[in-house]
Amino acid sequence: MKSQEKTGIPALGTLRPGTRQRSQLRVRVADIAWTALCVVLALWAVASSVGVVRGMTAWVYCAVAWILLAVAGVMLLASVRRGKRL
């Protein structure tokens, strides 16, 4: 605590239900989860695209990966926009 007092960083406060920090925490965790999902889907989409080019993967897997990535990206943007209003 003394290092925070010296630098002027305020304490976070409690995370009790109904507090502002609690609602911000929910938004932040949801944002992290959507971002992680988009990263995993992007890796899958790129890997399946490379597989299609090399002839090792069916094109259907590639199409599904890109569609899921697009849907998850739209949902991520929607959640970020909604989270900024809180």
PDB file of N, CA and C in Angstrom:
ATOM      1  N   MET A   1       0.811  -1.193   0.000  1.00  0.00           N
ATOM      2  CA  MET A   1       0.000   0.000   0.000  1.00  0.00           C
ATOM      3  C   MET A   1       0.853   1.256   0.000  1.00  0.00           C
ATOM      4  N   LYS A   2       1.998   1.227   0.622  1.00  0.00           N
ATOM      5  CA  LYS A   2       2.812   2.429   0.691  1.00  0.00           C
ATOM      6  C   LYS A   2       3.318   2.840  -0.688  1.00  0.00           C
ATOM      7  N   SER A   3       3.592   1.871  -1.562  1.00  0.00           N
ATOM      8  CA  SER A   3       4.052   2.225  -2.905  1.00  0.00           C
ATOM      9  C   SER A   3       2.940   2.920  -3.690  1.00  0.00           C
ATOM     10  N   GLN A   4       1.678   2.524  -3.468  1.00  0.00           N
ATOM     11  CA  GLN A   4       0.564   3.189  -4.136  1.00  0.00           C
ATOM     12  C   GLN A   4       0.377   4.608  -3.614  1.00  0.00           C
ATOM     13  N   GLU A   5       0.566   4.785  -2.323  1.00  0.00           N
ATOM     14  CA  GLU A   5       0.411   6.114  -1.744  1.00  0.00           C
ATOM     15  C   GLU A   5       1.500   7.049  -2.245  1.00  0.00           C
ATOM     16  N   LYS A   6       2.700   6.536  -2.436  1.00  0.00           N
ATOM     17  CA  LYS A   6       3.803   7.371  -2.900  1.00  0.00           C
ATOM     18  C   LYS A   6       3.610   7.801  -4.344  1.00  0.00           C
ATOM     19  N   THR A   7       3.079   6.927  -5.180  1.00  0.00           N
ATOM     20  CA  THR A   7       2.917   7.253  -6.598  1.00  0.00           C
ATOM     21  C   THR A   7       1.597   7.954  -6.892  1.00  0.00           C
ATOM     22  N   GLY A   8       0.698   7.996  -5.960  1.00  0.00           N
ATOM     23  CA  GLY A   8      -0.577   8.666  -6.174  1.00  0.00           C
ATOM     24  C   GLY A   8      -1.605   7.819  -6.891  1.00  0.00           C
ATOM     25  N   ILE A   9      -1.405   6.516  -6.958  1.00  0.00           N
ATOM     26  CA  ILE A   9      -2.364   5.612  -7.595  1.00  0.00           C
ATOM     27  C   ILE A   9      -3.463   5.300  -6.586  1.00  0.00           C
ATOM     28  N   PRO A  10      -4.723   5.590  -6.944  1.00  0.00           N
ATOM     29  CA  PRO A  10      -5.799   5.300  -6.002  1.00  0.00           C
ATOM     30  C   PRO A  10      -6.054   3.797  -5.887  1.00  0.00           C
ATOM     31  N   ALA A  11      -6.582   3.390  -4.763  1.00  0.00           N
ATOM     32  CA  ALA A  11      -6.943   1.984  -4.567  1.00  0.00           C
ATOM     33  C   ALA A  11      -8.138   1.644  -5.457  1.00  0.00           C
ATOM     34  N   LEU A  12      -8.262   0.391  -5.828  1.00  0.00           N
ATOM     35  CA  LEU A  12      -9.329  -0.039  -6.718  1.00  0.00           C
ATOM     36  C   LEU A  12     -10.706   0.003  -6.075  1.00  0.00           C
ATOM     37  N   GLY A  13     -10.776  -0.205  -4.816  1.00  0.00           N
ATOM     38  CA  GLY A  13     -12.068  -0.296  -4.152  1.00  0.00           C
ATOM     39  C   GLY A  13     -12.534  -1.738  -4.107  1.00  0.00           C
ATOM     40  N   THR A  14     -13.717  -1.935  -3.576  1.00  0.00           N
ATOM     41  CA  THR A  14     -14.237  -3.291  -3.452  1.00  0.00           C
ATOM     42  C   THR A  14     -15.005  -3.677  -4.708  1.00  0.00           C
ATOM     43  N   LEU A  15     -15.123  -4.969  -4.917  1.00  0.00           N
ATOM     44  CA  LEU A  15     -15.864  -5.501  -6.060  1.00  0.00           C
ATOM     45  C   LEU A  15     -17.211  -6.077  -5.609  1.00  0.00           C
ATOM     46  N   ARG A  16     -17.869  -5.368  -4.748  1.00  0.00           N
ATOM     47  CA  ARG A  16     -19.170  -5.835  -4.278  1.00  0.00           C
ATOM     48  C   ARG A  16     -20.203  -5.752  -5.391  1.00  0.00           C
ATOM     49  N   PRO A  17     -21.223  -6.613  -5.347  1.00  0.00           N
ATOM     50  CA  PRO A  17     -22.269  -6.560  -6.367  1.00  0.00           C
ATOM     51  C   PRO A  17     -22.931  -5.184  -6.408  1.00  0.00           C
ATOM     52  N   GLY A  18     -23.151  -4.699  -7.629  1.00  0.00           N
ATOM     53  CA  GLY A  18     -23.803  -3.420  -7.808  1.00  0.00           C
ATOM     54  C   GLY A  18     -22.853  -2.242  -7.921  1.00  0.00           C
ATOM     55  N   THR A  19     -21.573  -2.459  -7.718  1.00  0.00           N
ATOM     56  CA  THR A  19     -20.616  -1.359  -7.831  1.00  0.00           C
ATOM     57  C   THR A  19     -20.210  -1.170  -9.285  1.00  0.00           C
ATOM     58  N   ARG A  20     -19.672  -0.009  -9.578  1.00  0.00           N
ATOM     59  CA  ARG A  20     -19.260   0.298 -10.947  1.00  0.00           C
ATOM     60  C   ARG A  20     -18.119  -0.614 -11.392  1.00  0.00           C
ATOM     61  N   GLN A  21     -17.181  -0.915 -10.483  1.00  0.00           N
ATOM     62  CA  GLN A  21     -16.060  -1.783 -10.829  1.00  0.00           C
ATOM     63  C   GLN A  21     -16.547  -3.163 -11.222  1.00  0.00           C
ATOM     64  N   ARG A  22     -17.588  -3.638 -10.568  1.00  0.00           N
ATOM     65  CA  ARG A  22     -18.127  -4.966 -10.862  1.00  0.00           C
ATOM     66  C   ARG A  22     -18.705  -5.019 -12.274  1.00  0.00           C
ATOM     67  N   SER A  23     -19.437  -3.986 -12.662  1.00  0.00           N
ATOM     68  CA  SER A  23     -20.009  -3.979 -14.020  1.00  0.00           C
ATOM     69  C   SER A  23     -18.907  -3.818 -15.061  1.00  0.00           C
ATOM     70  N   GLN A  24     -17.882  -3.042 -14.764  1.00  0.00           N
ATOM     71  CA  GLN A  24     -16.768  -2.909 -15.686  1.00  0.00           C
ATOM     72  C   GLN A  24     -15.997  -4.219 -15.806  1.00  0.00           C
ATOM     73  N   LEU A  25     -15.904  -4.959 -14.728  1.00  0.00           N
ATOM     74  CA  LEU A  25     -15.222  -6.248 -14.757  1.00  0.00           C
ATOM     75  C   LEU A  25     -15.943  -7.219 -15.678  1.00  0.00           C
ATOM     76  N   ARG A  26     -17.257  -7.245 -15.616  1.00  0.00           N
ATOM     77  CA  ARG A  26     -18.025  -8.137 -16.493  1.00  0.00           C
ATOM     78  C   ARG A  26     -17.807  -7.788 -17.964  1.00  0.00           C
ATOM     79  N   VAL A  27     -17.823  -6.518 -18.265  1.00  0.00           N
ATOM     80  CA  VAL A  27     -17.617  -6.082 -19.647  1.00  0.00           C
ATOM     81  C   VAL A  27     -16.210  -6.445 -20.095  1.00  0.00           C
ATOM     82  N   ARG A  28     -15.227  -6.243 -19.240  1.00  0.00           N
ATOM     83  CA  ARG A  28     -13.837  -6.530 -19.603  1.00  0.00           C
ATOM     84  C   ARG A  28     -13.618  -8.027 -19.810  1.00  0.00           C
ATOM     85  N   VAL A  29     -14.184  -8.862 -18.959  1.00  0.00           N
ATOM     86  CA  VAL A  29     -14.044 -10.315 -19.113  1.00  0.00           C
ATOM     87  C   VAL A  29     -14.723 -10.786 -20.393  1.00  0.00           C
ATOM     88  N   ALA A  30     -15.884 -10.230 -20.698  1.00  0.00           N
ATOM     89  CA  ALA A  30     -16.566 -10.586 -21.948  1.00  0.00           C
ATOM     90  C   ALA A  30     -15.742 -10.152 -23.152  1.00  0.00           C
ATOM     91  N   ASP A  31     -15.131  -8.986 -23.078  1.00  0.00           N
ATOM     92  CA  ASP A  31     -14.284  -8.508 -24.170  1.00  0.00           C
ATOM     93  C   ASP A  31     -13.076  -9.415 -24.367  1.00  0.00           C
ATOM     94  N   ILE A  32     -12.462  -9.831 -23.285  1.00  0.00           N
ATOM     95  CA  ILE A  32     -11.315 -10.741 -23.376  1.00  0.00           C
ATOM     96  C   ILE A  32     -11.731 -12.083 -23.968  1.00  0.00           C
ATOM     97  N   ALA A  33     -12.888 -12.597 -23.562  1.00  0.00           N
ATOM     98  CA  ALA A  33     -13.359 -13.890 -24.069  1.00  0.00           C
ATOM     99  C   ALA A  33     -13.645 -13.810 -25.571  1.00  0.00           C
ATOM    100  N   TRP A  34     -14.310 -12.739 -26.029  1.00  0.00           N
ATOM    101  CA  TRP A  34     -14.604 -12.600 -27.457  1.00  0.00           C
ATOM    102  C   TRP A  34     -13.324 -12.434 -28.258  1.00  0.00           C
ATOM    103  N   THR A  35     -12.370 -11.681 -27.708  1.00  0.00           N
ATOM    104  CA  THR A  35     -11.103 -11.487 -28.408  1.00  0.00           C
ATOM    105  C   THR A  35     -10.353 -12.812 -28.530  1.00  0.00           C
ATOM    106  N   ALA A  36     -10.335 -13.602 -27.475  1.00  0.00           N
ATOM    107  CA  ALA A  36      -9.666 -14.905 -27.515  1.00  0.00           C
ATOM    108  C   ALA A  36     -10.335 -15.824 -28.539  1.00  0.00           C
ATOM    109  N   LEU A  37     -11.654 -15.800 -28.585  1.00  0.00           N
ATOM    110  CA  LEU A  37     -12.371 -16.611 -29.573  1.00  0.00           C
ATOM    111  C   LEU A  37     -12.023 -16.178 -30.995  1.00  0.00           C
ATOM    112  N   CYS A  38     -11.960 -14.867 -31.219  1.00  0.00           N
ATOM    113  CA  CYS A  38     -11.608 -14.370 -32.560  1.00  0.00           C
ATOM    114  C   CYS A  38     -10.192 -14.769 -32.945  1.00  0.00           C
ATOM    115  N   VAL A  39      -9.277 -14.750 -32.001  1.00  0.00           N
ATOM    116  CA  VAL A  39      -7.891 -15.145 -32.301  1.00  0.00           C
ATOM    117  C   VAL A  39      -7.829 -16.622 -32.676  1.00  0.00           C
ATOM    118  N   VAL A  40      -8.517 -17.457 -31.918  1.00  0.00           N
ATOM    119  CA  VAL A  40      -8.519 -18.896 -32.207  1.00  0.00           C
ATOM    120  C   VAL A  40      -9.164 -19.164 -33.569  1.00  0.00           C
ATOM    121  N   LEU A  41     -10.271 -18.493 -33.844  1.00  0.00           N
ATOM    122  CA  LEU A  41     -10.927 -18.687 -35.135  1.00  0.00           C
ATOM    123  C   LEU A  41     -10.074 -18.159 -36.285  1.00  0.00           C
ATOM    124  N   ALA A  42      -9.357 -17.063 -36.069  1.00  0.00           N
ATOM    125  CA  ALA A  42      -8.475 -16.533 -37.110  1.00  0.00           C
ATOM    126  C   ALA A  42      -7.347 -17.511 -37.408  1.00  0.00           C
ATOM    127  N   LEU A  43      -6.771 -18.090 -36.371  1.00  0.00           N
ATOM    128  CA  LEU A  43      -5.719 -19.088 -36.581  1.00  0.00           C
ATOM    129  C   LEU A  43      -6.253 -20.295 -37.341  1.00  0.00           C
ATOM    130  N   TRP A  44      -7.445 -20.735 -36.978  1.00  0.00           N
ATOM    131  CA  TRP A  44      -8.059 -21.869 -37.657  1.00  0.00           C
ATOM    132  C   TRP A  44      -8.339 -21.526 -39.125  1.00  0.00           C
ATOM    133  N   ALA A  45      -8.853 -20.320 -39.371  1.00  0.00           N
ATOM    134  CA  ALA A  45      -9.177 -19.917 -40.737  1.00  0.00           C
ATOM    135  C   ALA A  45      -7.921 -19.840 -41.611  1.00  0.00           C
ATOM    136  N   VAL A  46      -6.865 -19.264 -41.066  1.00  0.00           N
ATOM    137  CA  VAL A  46      -5.623 -19.160 -41.839  1.00  0.00           C
ATOM    138  C   VAL A  46      -5.027 -20.553 -42.078  1.00  0.00           C
ATOM    139  N   ALA A  47      -5.015 -21.392 -41.052  1.00  0.00           N
ATOM    140  CA  ALA A  47      -4.465 -22.740 -41.206  1.00  0.00           C
ATOM    141  C   ALA A  47      -5.278 -23.549 -42.217  1.00  0.00           C
ATOM    142  N   SER A  48      -6.589 -23.422 -42.183  1.00  0.00           N
ATOM    143  CA  SER A  48      -7.406 -24.171 -43.146  1.00  0.00           C
ATOM    144  C   SER A  48      -7.239 -23.605 -44.557  1.00  0.00           C
ATOM    145  N   SER A  49      -7.028 -22.291 -44.678  1.00  0.00           N
ATOM    146  CA  SER A  49      -6.776 -21.708 -45.999  1.00  0.00           C
ATOM    147  C   SER A  49      -5.469 -22.224 -46.584  1.00  0.00           C
ATOM    148  N   VAL A  50      -4.455 -22.317 -45.750  1.00  0.00           N
ATOM    149  CA  VAL A  50      -3.176 -22.870 -46.203  1.00  0.00           C
ATOM    150  C   VAL A  50      -3.351 -24.339 -46.577  1.00  0.00           C
ATOM    151  N   GLY A  51      -4.143 -25.052 -45.806  1.00  0.00           N
ATOM    152  CA  GLY A  51      -4.416 -26.448 -46.115  1.00  0.00           C
ATOM    153  C   GLY A  51      -5.146 -26.632 -47.426  1.00  0.00           C
ATOM    154  N   VAL A  52      -6.069 -25.717 -47.730  1.00  0.00           N
ATOM    155  CA  VAL A  52      -6.783 -25.789 -49.008  1.00  0.00           C
ATOM    156  C   VAL A  52      -5.822 -25.552 -50.165  1.00  0.00           C
ATOM    157  N   VAL A  53      -4.939 -24.571 -50.010  1.00  0.00           N
ATOM    158  CA  VAL A  53      -3.972 -24.272 -51.075  1.00  0.00           C
ATOM    159  C   VAL A  53      -3.047 -25.467 -51.317  1.00  0.00           C
ATOM    160  N   ARG A  54      -2.656 -26.129 -50.258  1.00  0.00           N
ATOM    161  CA  ARG A  54      -1.769 -27.284 -50.386  1.00  0.00           C
ATOM    162  C   ARG A  54      -2.514 -28.564 -50.759  1.00  0.00           C
ATOM    163  N   GLY A  55      -3.825 -28.530 -50.686  1.00  0.00           N
ATOM    164  CA  GLY A  55      -4.616 -29.700 -51.038  1.00  0.00           C
ATOM    165  C   GLY A  55      -4.770 -30.695 -49.902  1.00  0.00           C
ATOM    166  N   MET A  56      -4.524 -30.270 -48.687  1.00  0.00           N
ATOM    167  CA  MET A  56      -4.601 -31.180 -47.540  1.00  0.00           C
ATOM    168  C   MET A  56      -5.915 -31.063 -46.774  1.00  0.00           C
ATOM    169  N   THR A  57      -6.662 -29.983 -46.972  1.00  0.00           N
ATOM    170  CA  THR A  57      -7.883 -29.741 -46.221  1.00  0.00           C
ATOM    171  C   THR A  57      -9.030 -29.493 -47.190  1.00  0.00           C
ATOM    172  N   ALA A  58     -10.224 -29.901 -46.792  1.00  0.00           N
ATOM    173  CA  ALA A  58     -11.399 -29.661 -47.625  1.00  0.00           C
ATOM    174  C   ALA A  58     -11.768 -28.182 -47.562  1.00  0.00           C
ATOM    175  N   TRP A  59     -12.295 -27.646 -48.642  1.00  0.00           N
ATOM    176  CA  TRP A  59     -12.646 -26.232 -48.706  1.00  0.00           C
ATOM    177  C   TRP A  59     -13.790 -25.889 -47.771  1.00  0.00           C
ATOM    178  N   VAL A  60     -14.611 -26.894 -47.408  1.00  0.00           N
ATOM    179  CA  VAL A  60     -15.741 -26.651 -46.510  1.00  0.00           C
ATOM    180  C   VAL A  60     -15.245 -26.209 -45.134  1.00  0.00           C
ATOM    181  N   TYR A  61     -14.178 -26.831 -44.625  1.00  0.00           N
ATOM    182  CA  TYR A  61     -13.617 -26.426 -43.333  1.00  0.00           C
ATOM    183  C   TYR A  61     -13.137 -24.979 -43.390  1.00  0.00           C
ATOM    184  N   CYS A  62     -12.560 -24.603 -44.495  1.00  0.00           N
ATOM    185  CA  CYS A  62     -12.076 -23.239 -44.679  1.00  0.00           C
ATOM    186  C   CYS A  62     -13.248 -22.255 -44.676  1.00  0.00           C
ATOM    187  N   ALA A  63     -14.298 -22.580 -45.407  1.00  0.00           N
ATOM    188  CA  ALA A  63     -15.465 -21.695 -45.470  1.00  0.00           C
ATOM    189  C   ALA A  63     -16.133 -21.546 -44.112  1.00  0.00           C
ATOM    190  N   VAL A  64     -16.269 -22.648 -43.395  1.00  0.00           N
ATOM    191  CA  VAL A  64     -16.880 -22.599 -42.061  1.00  0.00           C
ATOM    192  C   VAL A  64     -16.030 -21.755 -41.121  1.00  0.00           C
ATOM    193  N   ALA A  65     -14.730 -21.896 -41.192  1.00  0.00           N
ATOM    194  CA  ALA A  65     -13.834 -21.116 -40.325  1.00  0.00           C
ATOM    195  C   ALA A  65     -13.973 -19.625 -40.594  1.00  0.00           C
ATOM    196  N   TRP A  66     -14.015 -19.234 -41.852  1.00  0.00           N
ATOM    197  CA  TRP A  66     -14.128 -17.813 -42.180  1.00  0.00           C
ATOM    198  C   TRP A  66     -15.505 -17.261 -41.806  1.00  0.00           C
ATOM    199  N   ILE A  67     -16.548 -18.057 -41.972  1.00  0.00           N
ATOM    200  CA  ILE A  67     -17.888 -17.608 -41.573  1.00  0.00           C
ATOM    201  C   ILE A  67     -17.969 -17.428 -40.063  1.00  0.00           C
ATOM    202  N   LEU A  68     -17.461 -18.394 -39.318  1.00  0.00           N
ATOM    203  CA  LEU A  68     -17.473 -18.271 -37.864  1.00  0.00           C
ATOM    204  C   LEU A  68     -16.630 -17.091 -37.386  1.00  0.00           C
ATOM    205  N   LEU A  69     -15.515 -16.847 -38.054  1.00  0.00           N
ATOM    206  CA  LEU A  69     -14.678 -15.698 -37.706  1.00  0.00           C
ATOM    207  C   LEU A  69     -15.427 -14.394 -37.963  1.00  0.00           C
ATOM    208  N   ALA A  70     -16.137 -14.312 -39.059  1.00  0.00           N
ATOM    209  CA  ALA A  70     -16.905 -13.100 -39.358  1.00  0.00           C
ATOM    210  C   ALA A  70     -18.006 -12.869 -38.322  1.00  0.00           C
ATOM    211  N   VAL A  71     -18.720 -13.925 -37.955  1.00  0.00           N
ATOM    212  CA  VAL A  71     -19.780 -13.798 -36.950  1.00  0.00           C
ATOM    213  C   VAL A  71     -19.201 -13.391 -35.594  1.00  0.00           C
ATOM    214  N   ALA A  72     -18.109 -14.022 -35.190  1.00  0.00           N
ATOM    215  CA  ALA A  72     -17.492 -13.680 -33.912  1.00  0.00           C
ATOM    216  C   ALA A  72     -16.944 -12.257 -33.933  1.00  0.00           C
ATOM    217  N   GLY A  73     -16.403 -11.816 -35.061  1.00  0.00           N
ATOM    218  CA  GLY A  73     -15.910 -10.449 -35.162  1.00  0.00           C
ATOM    219  C   GLY A  73     -17.024  -9.422 -35.026  1.00  0.00           C
ATOM    220  N   VAL A  74     -18.164  -9.685 -35.659  1.00  0.00           N
ATOM    221  CA  VAL A  74     -19.318  -8.792 -35.537  1.00  0.00           C
ATOM    222  C   VAL A  74     -19.812  -8.758 -34.095  1.00  0.00           C
ATOM    223  N   MET A  75     -19.857  -9.905 -33.450  1.00  0.00           N
ATOM    224  CA  MET A  75     -20.288  -9.949 -32.056  1.00  0.00           C
ATOM    225  C   MET A  75     -19.300  -9.230 -31.135  1.00  0.00           C
ATOM    226  N   LEU A  76     -18.016  -9.347 -31.428  1.00  0.00           N
ATOM    227  CA  LEU A  76     -17.009  -8.640 -30.640  1.00  0.00           C
ATOM    228  C   LEU A  76     -17.199  -7.136 -30.773  1.00  0.00           C
ATOM    229  N   LEU A  77     -17.390  -6.662 -31.993  1.00  0.00           N
ATOM    230  CA  LEU A  77     -17.610  -5.230 -32.186  1.00  0.00           C
ATOM    231  C   LEU A  77     -18.882  -4.759 -31.488  1.00  0.00           C
ATOM    232  N   ALA A  78     -19.930  -5.557 -31.540  1.00  0.00           N
ATOM    233  CA  ALA A  78     -21.172  -5.201 -30.870  1.00  0.00           C
ATOM    234  C   ALA A  78     -20.998  -5.140 -29.355  1.00  0.00           C
ATOM    235  N   SER A  79     -20.253  -6.087 -28.801  1.00  0.00           N
ATOM    236  CA  SER A  79     -20.049  -6.085 -27.356  1.00  0.00           C
ATOM    237  C   SER A  79     -19.160  -4.930 -26.917  1.00  0.00           C
ATOM    238  N   VAL A  80     -18.186  -4.553 -27.746  1.00  0.00           N
ATOM    239  CA  VAL A  80     -17.330  -3.419 -27.414  1.00  0.00           C
ATOM    240  C   VAL A  80     -18.139  -2.130 -27.449  1.00  0.00           C
ATOM    241  N   ARG A  81     -18.961  -1.966 -28.467  1.00  0.00           N
ATOM    242  CA  ARG A  81     -19.804  -0.763 -28.539  1.00  0.00           C
ATOM    243  C   ARG A  81     -20.767  -0.688 -27.369  1.00  0.00           C
ATOM    244  N   ARG A  82     -21.367  -1.827 -27.020  1.00  0.00           N
ATOM    245  CA  ARG A  82     -22.302  -1.868 -25.900  1.00  0.00           C
ATOM    246  C   ARG A  82     -21.577  -1.606 -24.585  1.00  0.00           C
ATOM    247  N   GLY A  83     -20.349  -2.112 -24.464  1.00  0.00           N
ATOM    248  CA  GLY A  83     -19.594  -1.943 -23.230  1.00  0.00           C
ATOM    249  C   GLY A  83     -19.142  -0.520 -22.995  1.00  0.00           C
ATOM    250  N   LYS A  84     -18.925   0.250 -24.046  1.00  0.00           N
ATOM    251  CA  LYS A  84     -18.474   1.624 -23.889  1.00  0.00           C
ATOM    252  C   LYS A  84     -19.586   2.526 -23.367  1.00  0.00           C
ATOM    253  N   ARG A  85     -20.821   2.103 -23.517  1.00  0.00           N
ATOM    254  CA  ARG A  85     -21.934   2.911 -23.013  1.00  0.00           C
ATOM    255  C   ARG A  85     -22.104   2.795 -21.514  1.00  0.00           C
ATOM    256  N   LEU A  86     -21.571   1.741 -20.912  1.00  0.00           N
ATOM    257  CA  LEU A  86     -21.760   1.538 -19.467  1.00  0.00           C
ATOM    258  C   LEU A  86     -20.990   2.528 -18.655  1.00  0.00           C
TER     259      LEU A  86
END
